[in-house]
Structure formats: structure tokens, C-alpha cells
Amino acid sequence: MHARMNHPVMVIPDAMNVLQSLGNLTKRGLPEKLLELVHLRASQINGCSVCVDMHPKIARKAGETDERIFAVSAWRDTPYFTDAERAALALTEALTRLSDRADPVPDDIWNEADTHFDEAELATLILAIATINVWNRLNVAIKMPVGVWKV
């Protein structure tokens, strides 16, 4: 398999640095395992095979268990996640599926996240969700093959 084109972050000068810098900012404000769950869930929704392959590997390196990684797509129906993780995953789904409902981020989802994260953590979480969605869209658009990005 080959990508349709060179990756946009390699074509546009400084794009890689900008996206990596934004991603690095989010690593300072939230636990890595939580971020990887968020990255995986958004990537599953967006059908980004590169990220669905990569983020479980990163999560494992951060100490995440296979049991929890395998359950991310069914997080509502498993006992493996904390209330804070569930709130982050719900917010991830809402922000990734903006056009799926009239109120993309309903108050109940926002309020639940707000009870578990302070303002800086919420800002970080929102930036992390937005950033993984950018990566997903870039990879899906060019049909980036799995295995090109090494972790």
C-alpha cells in the first residue's frame, strides 16, 4: 500500500513542528494513558488505521493494559474505566462527531467532564481531541499506510 501523496506535514514547511508542538503541549496537562485512550477512541471513530495501529502501542509503553485498550470502543459497557476517563471518552466522541446531533456537545457531557477536570485540564483535553482529529483527517485523506510511523 502506498499513500496518495507525500504526507502534508512533510510537504508544508514547519507543519510537522506545529502539530508536534501542539501535541507536546497536551502531554504536560493530562496523564499519558488518558491521552492515549482519547487518541485511540477518536481514531476508531474516524477510521484512521495508522492511528488505530499506533496509539495502542504507545498506550502499552505508557503502562496501559490490553484489557482496557481492547475495550475502548465499548467503554460504556465495561467496568475498566474511571468516571474521569468515561467523561473524557464521552467528550472525545462528541467533539469527533460534531455533525451527529443538533447540540454537538450537550450540557450533560460537558458538565460531567467539568466535574472531573479543572479549566486547564479541560482546555488540554479539548486541544488533544482536536489535534488527534487533525492527524486522523490528514492520514485518512491521503490513505496513509499502517506502519510508516514508527513508535
Protein backbone atom coordinates (compact mmCIF):
# COMPACT_ATOMS: atom_id res chain seq x y z
CA MET A 1 0.00 0.00 0.00
CA HIS A 2 1.13 3.49 -0.79
CA ALA A 3 -0.14 6.88 0.31
CA ARG A 4 -1.83 9.01 -2.32
CA MET A 5 0.80 11.69 -1.84
CA ASN A 6 3.59 12.68 0.49
CA HIS A 7 2.19 13.43 3.93
CA PRO A 8 1.01 17.06 4.14
CA VAL A 9 3.15 17.65 7.24
CA MET A 10 6.18 16.75 5.12
CA VAL A 11 5.10 18.91 2.19
CA ILE A 12 4.27 22.13 4.03
CA PRO A 13 7.31 23.60 5.80
CA ASP A 14 7.00 23.61 9.60
CA ALA A 15 3.64 21.79 9.63
CA MET A 16 5.13 18.79 11.42
CA ASN A 17 6.73 21.04 14.04
CA VAL A 18 3.49 22.92 14.64
CA LEU A 19 1.38 19.77 15.07
CA GLN A 20 4.02 18.06 17.21
CA SER A 21 4.33 21.17 19.38
CA LEU A 22 0.58 21.24 19.92
CA GLY A 23 0.64 17.53 20.77
CA ASN A 24 3.51 18.08 23.20
CA LEU A 25 1.56 20.81 24.99
CA THR A 26 -1.23 18.36 25.74
CA LYS A 27 1.24 15.88 27.25
CA ARG A 28 2.02 18.36 30.02
CA GLY A 29 -1.52 18.68 31.30
CA LEU A 30 -3.01 15.17 31.39
CA PRO A 31 -1.82 11.63 32.12
CA GLU A 32 -0.35 9.92 29.06
CA LYS A 33 -2.57 6.87 29.47
CA LEU A 34 -5.69 9.04 29.37
CA LEU A 35 -4.45 10.87 26.29
CA GLU A 36 -3.79 7.60 24.51
CA LEU A 37 -7.31 6.34 25.28
CA VAL A 38 -8.67 9.59 23.83
CA HIS A 39 -6.41 9.32 20.77
CA LEU A 40 -7.46 5.73 20.19
CA ARG A 41 -11.18 6.43 20.54
CA ALA A 42 -11.18 9.38 18.12
CA SER A 43 -9.07 7.37 15.68
CA GLN A 44 -11.51 4.45 15.83
CA ILE A 45 -14.41 6.77 15.06
CA ASN A 46 -12.54 8.42 12.19
CA GLY A 47 -11.32 5.12 10.72
CA CYS A 48 -7.68 6.19 10.87
CA SER A 49 -5.87 2.86 10.55
CA VAL A 50 -2.47 4.44 11.15
CA CYS A 51 -3.54 5.85 14.50
CA VAL A 52 -5.61 2.79 15.50
CA ASP A 53 -2.41 0.80 14.99
CA MET A 54 -0.05 3.29 16.62
CA HIS A 55 -1.86 4.53 19.74
CA PRO A 56 -2.34 1.15 21.43
CA LYS A 57 1.42 0.64 21.10
CA ILE A 58 2.09 4.00 22.71
CA ALA A 59 -0.51 3.25 25.40
CA ARG A 60 1.19 -0.06 26.22
CA LYS A 61 4.54 1.72 26.55
CA ALA A 62 2.83 4.09 28.99
CA GLY A 63 1.67 1.14 31.08
CA GLU A 64 -1.86 0.68 29.74
CA THR A 65 -3.30 -2.83 29.82
CA ASP A 66 -4.51 -4.78 26.80
CA GLU A 67 -7.83 -5.30 28.56
CA ARG A 68 -8.52 -1.57 28.65
CA ILE A 69 -7.10 -0.91 25.19
CA PHE A 70 -9.31 -3.60 23.67
CA ALA A 71 -12.36 -2.18 25.45
CA VAL A 72 -12.02 1.45 24.34
CA SER A 73 -14.56 1.09 21.54
CA ALA A 74 -17.07 -0.30 24.06
CA TRP A 75 -16.09 1.85 27.04
CA ARG A 76 -19.70 2.43 28.12
CA ASP A 77 -20.28 -1.30 28.57
CA THR A 78 -17.15 -2.25 30.50
CA PRO A 79 -16.10 -1.73 34.12
CA TYR A 80 -12.50 -0.85 33.27
CA PHE A 81 -12.63 2.94 33.15
CA THR A 82 -12.84 5.59 35.85
CA ASP A 83 -15.56 8.21 35.85
CA ALA A 84 -13.00 10.79 34.69
CA GLU A 85 -11.89 8.55 31.81
CA ARG A 86 -15.52 7.98 30.84
CA ALA A 87 -16.11 11.73 30.83
CA ALA A 88 -13.05 12.24 28.63
CA LEU A 89 -14.15 9.50 26.23
CA ALA A 90 -17.67 10.93 26.01
CA LEU A 91 -16.25 14.38 25.25
CA THR A 92 -13.93 12.80 22.67
CA GLU A 93 -16.87 11.19 20.90
CA ALA A 94 -18.90 14.40 20.97
CA LEU A 95 -16.08 16.57 19.61
CA THR A 96 -15.20 13.99 16.96
CA ARG A 97 -18.79 13.51 15.78
CA LEU A 98 -19.81 17.17 15.58
CA SER A 99 -22.50 16.72 12.94
CA ASP A 100 -24.20 13.72 14.53
CA ARG A 101 -26.57 15.78 16.69
CA ALA A 102 -28.11 19.24 16.85
CA ASP A 103 -26.16 20.07 20.01
CA PRO A 104 -22.72 18.58 19.30
CA VAL A 105 -21.55 18.84 22.92
CA PRO A 106 -24.65 18.54 25.10
CA ASP A 107 -24.61 20.03 28.59
CA ASP A 108 -24.66 16.63 30.26
CA ILE A 109 -21.41 15.61 28.52
CA TRP A 110 -19.81 18.98 29.21
CA ASN A 111 -20.93 19.08 32.84
CA GLU A 112 -19.62 15.57 33.50
CA ALA A 113 -16.22 16.47 32.06
CA ASP A 114 -16.26 19.71 34.05
CA THR A 115 -16.71 17.78 37.30
CA HIS A 116 -13.55 15.73 36.68
CA PHE A 117 -11.21 18.25 35.07
CA ASP A 118 -10.27 21.80 36.02
CA GLU A 119 -10.23 24.53 33.38
CA ALA A 120 -6.61 23.96 32.31
CA GLU A 121 -7.18 20.20 32.10
CA LEU A 122 -10.36 20.70 30.06
CA ALA A 123 -8.52 23.06 27.73
CA THR A 124 -5.77 20.48 27.35
CA LEU A 125 -8.29 17.71 26.72
CA ILE A 126 -10.07 19.75 24.05
CA LEU A 127 -6.75 20.55 22.34
CA ALA A 128 -5.75 16.87 22.49
CA ILE A 129 -9.04 15.82 20.88
CA ALA A 130 -8.75 18.50 18.20
CA THR A 131 -5.15 17.54 17.47
CA ILE A 132 -5.82 13.82 17.04
CA ASN A 133 -8.73 14.70 14.78
CA VAL A 134 -6.37 16.74 12.60
CA TRP A 135 -3.93 13.82 12.39
CA ASN A 136 -6.78 11.42 11.60
CA ARG A 137 -8.08 13.59 8.80
CA LEU A 138 -4.64 14.03 7.26
CA ASN A 139 -3.92 10.30 7.37
CA VAL A 140 -7.35 9.27 6.06
CA ALA A 141 -7.27 11.83 3.23
CA ILE A 142 -4.02 10.52 1.80
CA LYS A 143 -4.65 6.87 2.73
CA MET A 144 -1.51 6.74 4.84
CA PRO A 145 -0.49 3.09 5.17
CA VAL A 146 -0.11 1.46 8.56
CA GLY A 147 3.44 1.00 9.79
CA VAL A 148 5.01 4.07 8.21
CA TRP A 149 5.09 5.97 11.52
CA LYS A 150 7.19 4.02 14.00
CA VAL A 151 6.68 4.16 17.76
